[in-house]
Amino acid sequence: MSASEIDFDKLNNDGLFYAGDQLLLAAQVLIGLLDSRELPEEIIRKHPTLVVGIALLAHLDERAEERRIMKEAELNTLGKIADAIANSKAGDNDK
């Protein structure tokens, strides 16, 4: 995909939507931790650093899970390749 094909406005909008979503989720976590009845928007205004910190931790956790899944898939693929090579060599030895 070339740079001319990338819709940067859509990427920006998607990023802003994702970030806003993460902040609201983090605010809800903080509401639960503080046993508060305030709205998420009020919590974000009162405790922006805590909300951003919680959102960042959640984001990093999601990324770590994605990396774990990718690593598992890579290892699985490498195992299949190794098995195929071993079976191929075993077949060559039978000839």
PDB file of N, CA and C in Angstrom:
ATOM      1  N   MET A   1       0.856  -1.174   0.000  1.00  0.00           N
ATOM      2  CA  MET A   1       0.000   0.000   0.000  1.00  0.00           C
ATOM      3  C   MET A   1       0.898   1.232   0.000  1.00  0.00           C
ATOM      4  N   SER A   2       0.657   2.102  -0.947  1.00  0.00           N
ATOM      5  CA  SER A   2       1.464   3.313  -1.026  1.00  0.00           C
ATOM      6  C   SER A   2       0.859   4.409  -0.155  1.00  0.00           C
ATOM      7  N   ALA A   3       1.659   5.407   0.094  1.00  0.00           N
ATOM      8  CA  ALA A   3       1.204   6.507   0.951  1.00  0.00           C
ATOM      9  C   ALA A   3      -0.007   7.215   0.349  1.00  0.00           C
ATOM     10  N   SER A   4      -0.088   7.246  -0.988  1.00  0.00           N
ATOM     11  CA  SER A   4      -1.224   7.918  -1.615  1.00  0.00           C
ATOM     12  C   SER A   4      -2.529   7.150  -1.409  1.00  0.00           C
ATOM     13  N   GLU A   5      -2.444   5.849  -1.101  1.00  0.00           N
ATOM     14  CA  GLU A   5      -3.636   5.033  -0.878  1.00  0.00           C
ATOM     15  C   GLU A   5      -4.115   5.069   0.570  1.00  0.00           C
ATOM     16  N   ILE A   6      -3.296   5.577   1.466  1.00  0.00           N
ATOM     17  CA  ILE A   6      -3.640   5.601   2.886  1.00  0.00           C
ATOM     18  C   ILE A   6      -4.549   6.791   3.171  1.00  0.00           C
ATOM     19  N   ASP A   7      -5.658   6.530   3.803  1.00  0.00           N
ATOM     20  CA  ASP A   7      -6.593   7.591   4.186  1.00  0.00           C
ATOM     21  C   ASP A   7      -6.195   8.082   5.582  1.00  0.00           C
ATOM     22  N   PHE A   8      -5.348   9.105   5.608  1.00  0.00           N
ATOM     23  CA  PHE A   8      -4.824   9.593   6.875  1.00  0.00           C
ATOM     24  C   PHE A   8      -5.910  10.207   7.754  1.00  0.00           C
ATOM     25  N   ASP A   9      -6.922  10.799   7.136  1.00  0.00           N
ATOM     26  CA  ASP A   9      -8.027  11.348   7.930  1.00  0.00           C
ATOM     27  C   ASP A   9      -8.763  10.235   8.663  1.00  0.00           C
ATOM     28  N   LYS A  10      -8.991   9.114   7.968  1.00  0.00           N
ATOM     29  CA  LYS A  10      -9.663   7.980   8.608  1.00  0.00           C
ATOM     30  C   LYS A  10      -8.788   7.413   9.722  1.00  0.00           C
ATOM     31  N   LEU A  11      -7.485   7.285   9.465  1.00  0.00           N
ATOM     32  CA  LEU A  11      -6.574   6.801  10.507  1.00  0.00           C
ATOM     33  C   LEU A  11      -6.617   7.711  11.725  1.00  0.00           C
ATOM     34  N   ASN A  12      -6.603   9.006  11.487  1.00  0.00           N
ATOM     35  CA  ASN A  12      -6.658   9.974  12.582  1.00  0.00           C
ATOM     36  C   ASN A  12      -7.960   9.834  13.358  1.00  0.00           C
ATOM     37  N   ASN A  13      -9.075   9.751  12.627  1.00  0.00           N
ATOM     38  CA  ASN A  13     -10.375   9.612  13.289  1.00  0.00           C
ATOM     39  C   ASN A  13     -10.465   8.305  14.070  1.00  0.00           C
ATOM     40  N   ASP A  14      -9.964   7.218  13.473  1.00  0.00           N
ATOM     41  CA  ASP A  14      -9.972   5.927  14.165  1.00  0.00           C
ATOM     42  C   ASP A  14      -9.123   5.988  15.433  1.00  0.00           C
ATOM     43  N   GLY A  15      -7.965   6.649  15.326  1.00  0.00           N
ATOM     44  CA  GLY A  15      -7.087   6.784  16.484  1.00  0.00           C
ATOM     45  C   GLY A  15      -7.725   7.591  17.595  1.00  0.00           C
ATOM     46  N   LEU A  16      -8.388   8.666  17.217  1.00  0.00           N
ATOM     47  CA  LEU A  16      -9.063   9.493  18.223  1.00  0.00           C
ATOM     48  C   LEU A  16     -10.214   8.732  18.870  1.00  0.00           C
ATOM     49  N   PHE A  17     -10.949   7.977  18.073  1.00  0.00           N
ATOM     50  CA  PHE A  17     -12.050   7.178  18.613  1.00  0.00           C
ATOM     51  C   PHE A  17     -11.513   6.138  19.590  1.00  0.00           C
ATOM     52  N   TYR A  18     -10.430   5.452  19.192  1.00  0.00           N
ATOM     53  CA  TYR A  18      -9.816   4.436  20.052  1.00  0.00           C
ATOM     54  C   TYR A  18      -9.320   5.064  21.354  1.00  0.00           C
ATOM     55  N   ALA A  19      -8.627   6.191  21.248  1.00  0.00           N
ATOM     56  CA  ALA A  19      -8.087   6.851  22.443  1.00  0.00           C
ATOM     57  C   ALA A  19      -9.213   7.302  23.370  1.00  0.00           C
ATOM     58  N   GLY A  20     -10.255   7.875  22.802  1.00  0.00           N
ATOM     59  CA  GLY A  20     -11.393   8.299  23.618  1.00  0.00           C
ATOM     60  C   GLY A  20     -12.052   7.128  24.310  1.00  0.00           C
ATOM     61  N   ASP A  21     -12.187   6.038  23.577  1.00  0.00           N
ATOM     62  CA  ASP A  21     -12.762   4.815  24.143  1.00  0.00           C
ATOM     63  C   ASP A  21     -11.916   4.304  25.312  1.00  0.00           C
ATOM     64  N   GLN A  22     -10.599   4.304  25.117  1.00  0.00           N
ATOM     65  CA  GLN A  22      -9.700   3.821  26.163  1.00  0.00           C
ATOM     66  C   GLN A  22      -9.770   4.707  27.402  1.00  0.00           C
ATOM     67  N   LEU A  23      -9.880   6.011  27.206  1.00  0.00           N
ATOM     68  CA  LEU A  23      -9.982   6.920  28.351  1.00  0.00           C
ATOM     69  C   LEU A  23     -11.282   6.700  29.119  1.00  0.00           C
ATOM     70  N   LEU A  24     -12.377   6.490  28.393  1.00  0.00           N
ATOM     71  CA  LEU A  24     -13.651   6.231  29.079  1.00  0.00           C
ATOM     72  C   LEU A  24     -13.603   4.914  29.856  1.00  0.00           C
ATOM     73  N   LEU A  25     -13.006   3.891  29.258  1.00  0.00           N
ATOM     74  CA  LEU A  25     -12.879   2.612  29.964  1.00  0.00           C
ATOM     75  C   LEU A  25     -11.999   2.762  31.207  1.00  0.00           C
ATOM     76  N   ALA A  26     -10.906   3.510  31.059  1.00  0.00           N
ATOM     77  CA  ALA A  26     -10.020   3.734  32.200  1.00  0.00           C
ATOM     78  C   ALA A  26     -10.740   4.518  33.295  1.00  0.00           C
ATOM     79  N   ALA A  27     -11.547   5.490  32.901  1.00  0.00           N
ATOM     80  CA  ALA A  27     -12.313   6.263  33.885  1.00  0.00           C
ATOM     81  C   ALA A  27     -13.294   5.359  34.619  1.00  0.00           C
ATOM     82  N   GLN A  28     -13.899   4.427  33.905  1.00  0.00           N
ATOM     83  CA  GLN A  28     -14.826   3.490  34.546  1.00  0.00           C
ATOM     84  C   GLN A  28     -14.096   2.591  35.541  1.00  0.00           C
ATOM     85  N   VAL A  29     -12.877   2.182  35.197  1.00  0.00           N
ATOM     86  CA  VAL A  29     -12.065   1.396  36.136  1.00  0.00           C
ATOM     87  C   VAL A  29     -11.792   2.223  37.387  1.00  0.00           C
ATOM     88  N   LEU A  30     -11.408   3.475  37.186  1.00  0.00           N
ATOM     89  CA  LEU A  30     -11.112   4.354  38.321  1.00  0.00           C
ATOM     90  C   LEU A  30     -12.359   4.612  39.162  1.00  0.00           C
ATOM     91  N   ILE A  31     -13.513   4.746  38.524  1.00  0.00           N
ATOM     92  CA  ILE A  31     -14.772   4.907  39.266  1.00  0.00           C
ATOM     93  C   ILE A  31     -14.980   3.707  40.178  1.00  0.00           C
ATOM     94  N   GLY A  32     -14.725   2.517  39.650  1.00  0.00           N
ATOM     95  CA  GLY A  32     -14.857   1.305  40.462  1.00  0.00           C
ATOM     96  C   GLY A  32     -13.864   1.270  41.606  1.00  0.00           C
ATOM     97  N   LEU A  33     -12.622   1.664  41.327  1.00  0.00           N
ATOM     98  CA  LEU A  33     -11.596   1.656  42.374  1.00  0.00           C
ATOM     99  C   LEU A  33     -11.900   2.668  43.475  1.00  0.00           C
ATOM    100  N   LEU A  34     -12.437   3.813  43.084  1.00  0.00           N
ATOM    101  CA  LEU A  34     -12.743   4.865  44.058  1.00  0.00           C
ATOM    102  C   LEU A  34     -14.126   4.705  44.675  1.00  0.00           C
ATOM    103  N   ASP A  35     -14.864   3.721  44.199  1.00  0.00           N
ATOM    104  CA  ASP A  35     -16.248   3.509  44.649  1.00  0.00           C
ATOM    105  C   ASP A  35     -17.030   4.811  44.514  1.00  0.00           C
ATOM    106  N   SER A  36     -16.901   5.416  43.339  1.00  0.00           N
ATOM    107  CA  SER A  36     -17.496   6.725  43.067  1.00  0.00           C
ATOM    108  C   SER A  36     -18.777   6.571  42.253  1.00  0.00           C
ATOM    109  N   ARG A  37     -19.600   7.580  42.309  1.00  0.00           N
ATOM    110  CA  ARG A  37     -20.827   7.602  41.505  1.00  0.00           C
ATOM    111  C   ARG A  37     -20.747   8.695  40.435  1.00  0.00           C
ATOM    112  N   GLU A  38     -19.555   9.227  40.237  1.00  0.00           N
ATOM    113  CA  GLU A  38     -19.377  10.294  39.255  1.00  0.00           C
ATOM    114  C   GLU A  38     -19.394   9.725  37.836  1.00  0.00           C
ATOM    115  N   LEU A  39     -19.666  10.601  36.890  1.00  0.00           N
ATOM    116  CA  LEU A  39     -19.635  10.221  35.481  1.00  0.00           C
ATOM    117  C   LEU A  39     -18.183  10.080  35.022  1.00  0.00           C
ATOM    118  N   PRO A  40     -17.936   9.228  34.023  1.00  0.00           N
ATOM    119  CA  PRO A  40     -16.562   9.066  33.528  1.00  0.00           C
ATOM    120  C   PRO A  40     -15.911  10.389  33.123  1.00  0.00           C
ATOM    121  N   GLU A  41     -16.681  11.274  32.500  1.00  0.00           N
ATOM    122  CA  GLU A  41     -16.128  12.562  32.079  1.00  0.00           C
ATOM    123  C   GLU A  41     -15.644  13.384  33.271  1.00  0.00           C
ATOM    124  N   GLU A  42     -16.381  13.325  34.390  1.00  0.00           N
ATOM    125  CA  GLU A  42     -15.968  14.051  35.600  1.00  0.00           C
ATOM    126  C   GLU A  42     -14.690  13.449  36.177  1.00  0.00           C
ATOM    127  N   ILE A  43     -14.605  12.134  36.160  1.00  0.00           N
ATOM    128  CA  ILE A  43     -13.400  11.456  36.661  1.00  0.00           C
ATOM    129  C   ILE A  43     -12.194  11.828  35.800  1.00  0.00           C
ATOM    130  N   ILE A  44     -12.387  11.876  34.484  1.00  0.00           N
ATOM    131  CA  ILE A  44     -11.283  12.253  33.589  1.00  0.00           C
ATOM    132  C   ILE A  44     -10.807  13.666  33.907  1.00  0.00           C
ATOM    133  N   ARG A  45     -11.742  14.590  34.162  1.00  0.00           N
ATOM    134  CA  ARG A  45     -11.364  15.968  34.494  1.00  0.00           C
ATOM    135  C   ARG A  45     -10.649  16.057  35.842  1.00  0.00           C
ATOM    136  N   LYS A  46     -11.131  15.300  36.834  1.00  0.00           N
ATOM    137  CA  LYS A  46     -10.562  15.373  38.188  1.00  0.00           C
ATOM    138  C   LYS A  46      -9.241  14.619  38.325  1.00  0.00           C
ATOM    139  N   HIS A  47      -9.098  13.511  37.608  1.00  0.00           N
ATOM    140  CA  HIS A  47      -7.919  12.649  37.765  1.00  0.00           C
ATOM    141  C   HIS A  47      -7.319  12.280  36.403  1.00  0.00           C
ATOM    142  N   PRO A  48      -6.925  13.276  35.605  1.00  0.00           N
ATOM    143  CA  PRO A  48      -6.450  12.954  34.252  1.00  0.00           C
ATOM    144  C   PRO A  48      -5.207  12.062  34.231  1.00  0.00           C
ATOM    145  N   THR A  49      -4.295  12.282  35.152  1.00  0.00           N
ATOM    146  CA  THR A  49      -3.069  11.485  35.164  1.00  0.00           C
ATOM    147  C   THR A  49      -3.365  10.025  35.473  1.00  0.00           C
ATOM    148  N   LEU A  50      -4.223   9.789  36.458  1.00  0.00           N
ATOM    149  CA  LEU A  50      -4.584   8.408  36.793  1.00  0.00           C
ATOM    150  C   LEU A  50      -5.313   7.729  35.641  1.00  0.00           C
ATOM    151  N   VAL A  51      -6.223   8.448  35.010  1.00  0.00           N
ATOM    152  CA  VAL A  51      -6.989   7.873  33.898  1.00  0.00           C
ATOM    153  C   VAL A  51      -6.060   7.533  32.733  1.00  0.00           C
ATOM    154  N   VAL A  52      -5.176   8.453  32.385  1.00  0.00           N
ATOM    155  CA  VAL A  52      -4.235   8.196  31.291  1.00  0.00           C
ATOM    156  C   VAL A  52      -3.312   7.036  31.652  1.00  0.00           C
ATOM    157  N   GLY A  53      -2.867   6.975  32.897  1.00  0.00           N
ATOM    158  CA  GLY A  53      -2.015   5.866  33.334  1.00  0.00           C
ATOM    159  C   GLY A  53      -2.715   4.522  33.219  1.00  0.00           C
ATOM    160  N   ILE A  54      -3.966   4.471  33.644  1.00  0.00           N
ATOM    161  CA  ILE A  54      -4.735   3.226  33.550  1.00  0.00           C
ATOM    162  C   ILE A  54      -4.950   2.858  32.083  1.00  0.00           C
ATOM    163  N   ALA A  55      -5.268   3.847  31.254  1.00  0.00           N
ATOM    164  CA  ALA A  55      -5.471   3.591  29.819  1.00  0.00           C
ATOM    165  C   ALA A  55      -4.185   3.080  29.181  1.00  0.00           C
ATOM    166  N   LEU A  56      -3.057   3.668  29.560  1.00  0.00           N
ATOM    167  CA  LEU A  56      -1.770   3.230  29.016  1.00  0.00           C
ATOM    168  C   LEU A  56      -1.460   1.799  29.438  1.00  0.00           C
ATOM    169  N   LEU A  57      -1.675   1.489  30.701  1.00  0.00           N
ATOM    170  CA  LEU A  57      -1.443   0.117  31.164  1.00  0.00           C
ATOM    171  C   LEU A  57      -2.335  -0.875  30.427  1.00  0.00           C
ATOM    172  N   ALA A  58      -3.587  -0.516  30.214  1.00  0.00           N
ATOM    173  CA  ALA A  58      -4.504  -1.402  29.485  1.00  0.00           C
ATOM    174  C   ALA A  58      -4.034  -1.591  28.049  1.00  0.00           C
ATOM    175  N   HIS A  59      -3.584  -0.504  27.427  1.00  0.00           N
ATOM    176  CA  HIS A  59      -3.090  -0.581  26.052  1.00  0.00           C
ATOM    177  C   HIS A  59      -1.852  -1.469  25.974  1.00  0.00           C
ATOM    178  N   LEU A  60      -0.923  -1.281  26.883  1.00  0.00           N
ATOM    179  CA  LEU A  60       0.296  -2.092  26.889  1.00  0.00           C
ATOM    180  C   LEU A  60      -0.020  -3.559  27.143  1.00  0.00           C
ATOM    181  N   ASP A  61      -1.006  -3.819  27.989  1.00  0.00           N
ATOM    182  CA  ASP A  61      -1.421  -5.194  28.251  1.00  0.00           C
ATOM    183  C   ASP A  61      -2.002  -5.835  26.989  1.00  0.00           C
ATOM    184  N   GLU A  62      -2.818  -5.078  26.261  1.00  0.00           N
ATOM    185  CA  GLU A  62      -3.377  -5.589  25.005  1.00  0.00           C
ATOM    186  C   GLU A  62      -2.271  -5.884  24.000  1.00  0.00           C
ATOM    187  N   ARG A  63      -1.302  -4.991  23.906  1.00  0.00           N
ATOM    188  CA  ARG A  63      -0.183  -5.200  22.972  1.00  0.00           C
ATOM    189  C   ARG A  63       0.633  -6.430  23.360  1.00  0.00           C
ATOM    190  N   ALA A  64       0.866  -6.618  24.652  1.00  0.00           N
ATOM    191  CA  ALA A  64       1.614  -7.790  25.111  1.00  0.00           C
ATOM    192  C   ALA A  64       0.862  -9.072  24.758  1.00  0.00           C
ATOM    193  N   GLU A  65      -0.446  -9.056  24.904  1.00  0.00           N
ATOM    194  CA  GLU A  65      -1.258 -10.228  24.551  1.00  0.00           C
ATOM    195  C   GLU A  65      -1.188 -10.492  23.048  1.00  0.00           C
ATOM    196  N   GLU A  66      -1.231  -9.431  22.240  1.00  0.00           N
ATOM    197  CA  GLU A  66      -1.098  -9.593  20.792  1.00  0.00           C
ATOM    198  C   GLU A  66       0.252 -10.204  20.441  1.00  0.00           C
ATOM    199  N   ARG A  67       1.318  -9.729  21.084  1.00  0.00           N
ATOM    200  CA  ARG A  67       2.655 -10.274  20.823  1.00  0.00           C
ATOM    201  C   ARG A  67       2.741 -11.734  21.244  1.00  0.00           C
ATOM    202  N   ARG A  68       2.109 -12.084  22.372  1.00  0.00           N
ATOM    203  CA  ARG A  68       2.121 -13.469  22.831  1.00  0.00           C
ATOM    204  C   ARG A  68       1.421 -14.370  21.815  1.00  0.00           C
ATOM    205  N   ILE A  69       0.284 -13.921  21.315  1.00  0.00           N
ATOM    206  CA  ILE A  69      -0.463 -14.703  20.327  1.00  0.00           C
ATOM    207  C   ILE A  69       0.354 -14.864  19.044  1.00  0.00           C
ATOM    208  N   MET A  70       0.993 -13.779  18.591  1.00  0.00           N
ATOM    209  CA  MET A  70       1.812 -13.853  17.376  1.00  0.00           C
ATOM    210  C   MET A  70       3.002 -14.783  17.571  1.00  0.00           C
ATOM    211  N   LYS A  71       3.637 -14.722  18.734  1.00  0.00           N
ATOM    212  CA  LYS A  71       4.783 -15.588  19.016  1.00  0.00           C
ATOM    213  C   LYS A  71       4.348 -17.051  19.005  1.00  0.00           C
ATOM    214  N   GLU A  72       3.188 -17.328  19.608  1.00  0.00           N
ATOM    215  CA  GLU A  72       2.661 -18.689  19.629  1.00  0.00           C
ATOM    216  C   GLU A  72       2.392 -19.180  18.203  1.00  0.00           C
ATOM    217  N   ALA A  73       1.824 -18.312  17.366  1.00  0.00           N
ATOM    218  CA  ALA A  73       1.551 -18.681  15.973  1.00  0.00           C
ATOM    219  C   ALA A  73       2.855 -18.927  15.215  1.00  0.00           C
ATOM    220  N   GLU A  74       3.860 -18.079  15.452  1.00  0.00           N
ATOM    221  CA  GLU A  74       5.159 -18.264  14.801  1.00  0.00           C
ATOM    222  C   GLU A  74       5.784 -19.590  15.204  1.00  0.00           C
ATOM    223  N   LEU A  75       5.760 -19.895  16.504  1.00  0.00           N
ATOM    224  CA  LEU A  75       6.339 -21.151  16.976  1.00  0.00           C
ATOM    225  C   LEU A  75       5.598 -22.353  16.399  1.00  0.00           C
ATOM    226  N   ASN A  76       4.291 -22.250  16.292  1.00  0.00           N
ATOM    227  CA  ASN A  76       3.488 -23.319  15.713  1.00  0.00           C
ATOM    228  C   ASN A  76       3.871 -23.537  14.248  1.00  0.00           C
ATOM    229  N   THR A  77       4.011 -22.442  13.502  1.00  0.00           N
ATOM    230  CA  THR A  77       4.394 -22.526  12.093  1.00  0.00           C
ATOM    231  C   THR A  77       5.794 -23.109  11.946  1.00  0.00           C
ATOM    232  N   LEU A  78       6.726 -22.651  12.774  1.00  0.00           N
ATOM    233  CA  LEU A  78       8.088 -23.192  12.715  1.00  0.00           C
ATOM    234  C   LEU A  78       8.109 -24.679  13.055  1.00  0.00           C
ATOM    235  N   GLY A  79       7.274 -25.098  14.003  1.00  0.00           N
ATOM    236  CA  GLY A  79       7.178 -26.519  14.346  1.00  0.00           C
ATOM    237  C   GLY A  79       6.685 -27.335  13.171  1.00  0.00           C
ATOM    238  N   LYS A  80       5.696 -26.822  12.449  1.00  0.00           N
ATOM    239  CA  LYS A  80       5.175 -27.524  11.271  1.00  0.00           C
ATOM    240  C   LYS A  80       6.234 -27.615  10.178  1.00  0.00           C
ATOM    241  N   ILE A  81       6.994 -26.544   9.990  1.00  0.00           N
ATOM    242  CA  ILE A  81       8.067 -26.553   8.993  1.00  0.00           C
ATOM    243  C   ILE A  81       9.127 -27.577   9.379  1.00  0.00           C
ATOM    244  N   ALA A  82       9.507 -27.592  10.659  1.00  0.00           N
ATOM    245  CA  ALA A  82      10.512 -28.552  11.128  1.00  0.00           C
ATOM    246  C   ALA A  82      10.016 -29.984  10.938  1.00  0.00           C
ATOM    247  N   ASP A  83       8.746 -30.233  11.236  1.00  0.00           N
ATOM    248  CA  ASP A  83       8.174 -31.571  11.039  1.00  0.00           C
ATOM    249  C   ASP A  83       8.186 -31.958   9.570  1.00  0.00           C
ATOM    250  N   ALA A  84       7.838 -31.012   8.700  1.00  0.00           N
ATOM    251  CA  ALA A  84       7.824 -31.294   7.264  1.00  0.00           C
ATOM    252  C   ALA A  84       9.223 -31.618   6.764  1.00  0.00           C
ATOM    253  N   ILE A  85      10.214 -30.879   7.247  1.00  0.00           N
ATOM    254  CA  ILE A  85      11.598 -31.147   6.848  1.00  0.00           C
ATOM    255  C   ILE A  85      12.039 -32.510   7.359  1.00  0.00           C
ATOM    256  N   ALA A  86      11.720 -32.813   8.609  1.00  0.00           N
ATOM    257  CA  ALA A  86      12.097 -34.111   9.185  1.00  0.00           C
ATOM    258  C   ALA A  86      11.430 -35.250   8.422  1.00  0.00           C
ATOM    259  N   ASN A  87      10.160 -35.091   8.085  1.00  0.00           N
ATOM    260  CA  ASN A  87       9.452 -36.131   7.328  1.00  0.00           C
ATOM    261  C   ASN A  87      10.025 -36.281   5.928  1.00  0.00           C
ATOM    262  N   SER A  88      10.422 -35.161   5.334  1.00  0.00           N
ATOM    263  CA  SER A  88      11.022 -35.193   4.001  1.00  0.00           C
ATOM    264  C   SER A  88      12.355 -35.934   4.034  1.00  0.00           C
ATOM    265  N   LYS A  89      13.171 -35.668   5.050  1.00  0.00           N
ATOM    266  CA  LYS A  89      14.463 -36.349   5.180  1.00  0.00           C
ATOM    267  C   LYS A  89      14.268 -37.827   5.465  1.00  0.00           C
ATOM    268  N   ALA A  90      13.268 -38.151   6.274  1.00  0.00           N
ATOM    269  CA  ALA A  90      12.985 -39.556   6.576  1.00  0.00           C
ATOM    270  C   ALA A  90      12.551 -40.274   5.305  1.00  0.00           C
ATOM    271  N   GLY A  91      11.783 -39.610   4.462  1.00  0.00           N
ATOM    272  CA  GLY A  91      11.356 -40.196   3.188  1.00  0.00           C
ATOM    273  C   GLY A  91      12.531 -40.391   2.252  1.00  0.00           C
ATOM    274  N   ASP A  92      13.495 -39.468   2.267  1.00  0.00           N
ATOM    275  CA  ASP A  92      14.692 -39.596   1.433  1.00  0.00           C
ATOM    276  C   ASP A  92      15.545 -40.773   1.889  1.00  0.00           C
ATOM    277  N   ASN A  93      15.600 -41.014   3.193  1.00  0.00           N
ATOM    278  CA  ASN A  93      16.394 -42.121   3.727  1.00  0.00           C
ATOM    279  C   ASN A  93      15.782 -43.472   3.380  1.00  0.00           C
ATOM    280  N   ASP A  94      14.475 -43.527   3.170  1.00  0.00           N
ATOM    281  CA  ASP A  94      13.798 -44.778   2.840  1.00  0.00           C
ATOM    282  C   ASP A  94      14.070 -45.197   1.403  1.00  0.00           C
ATOM    283  N   LYS A  95      14.531 -44.288   0.572  1.00  0.00           N
ATOM    284  CA  LYS A  95      14.742 -44.594  -0.856  1.00  0.00           C
ATOM    285  C   LYS A  95      16.021 -45.323  -1.103  1.00  0.00           C
TER     286      LYS A  95
END
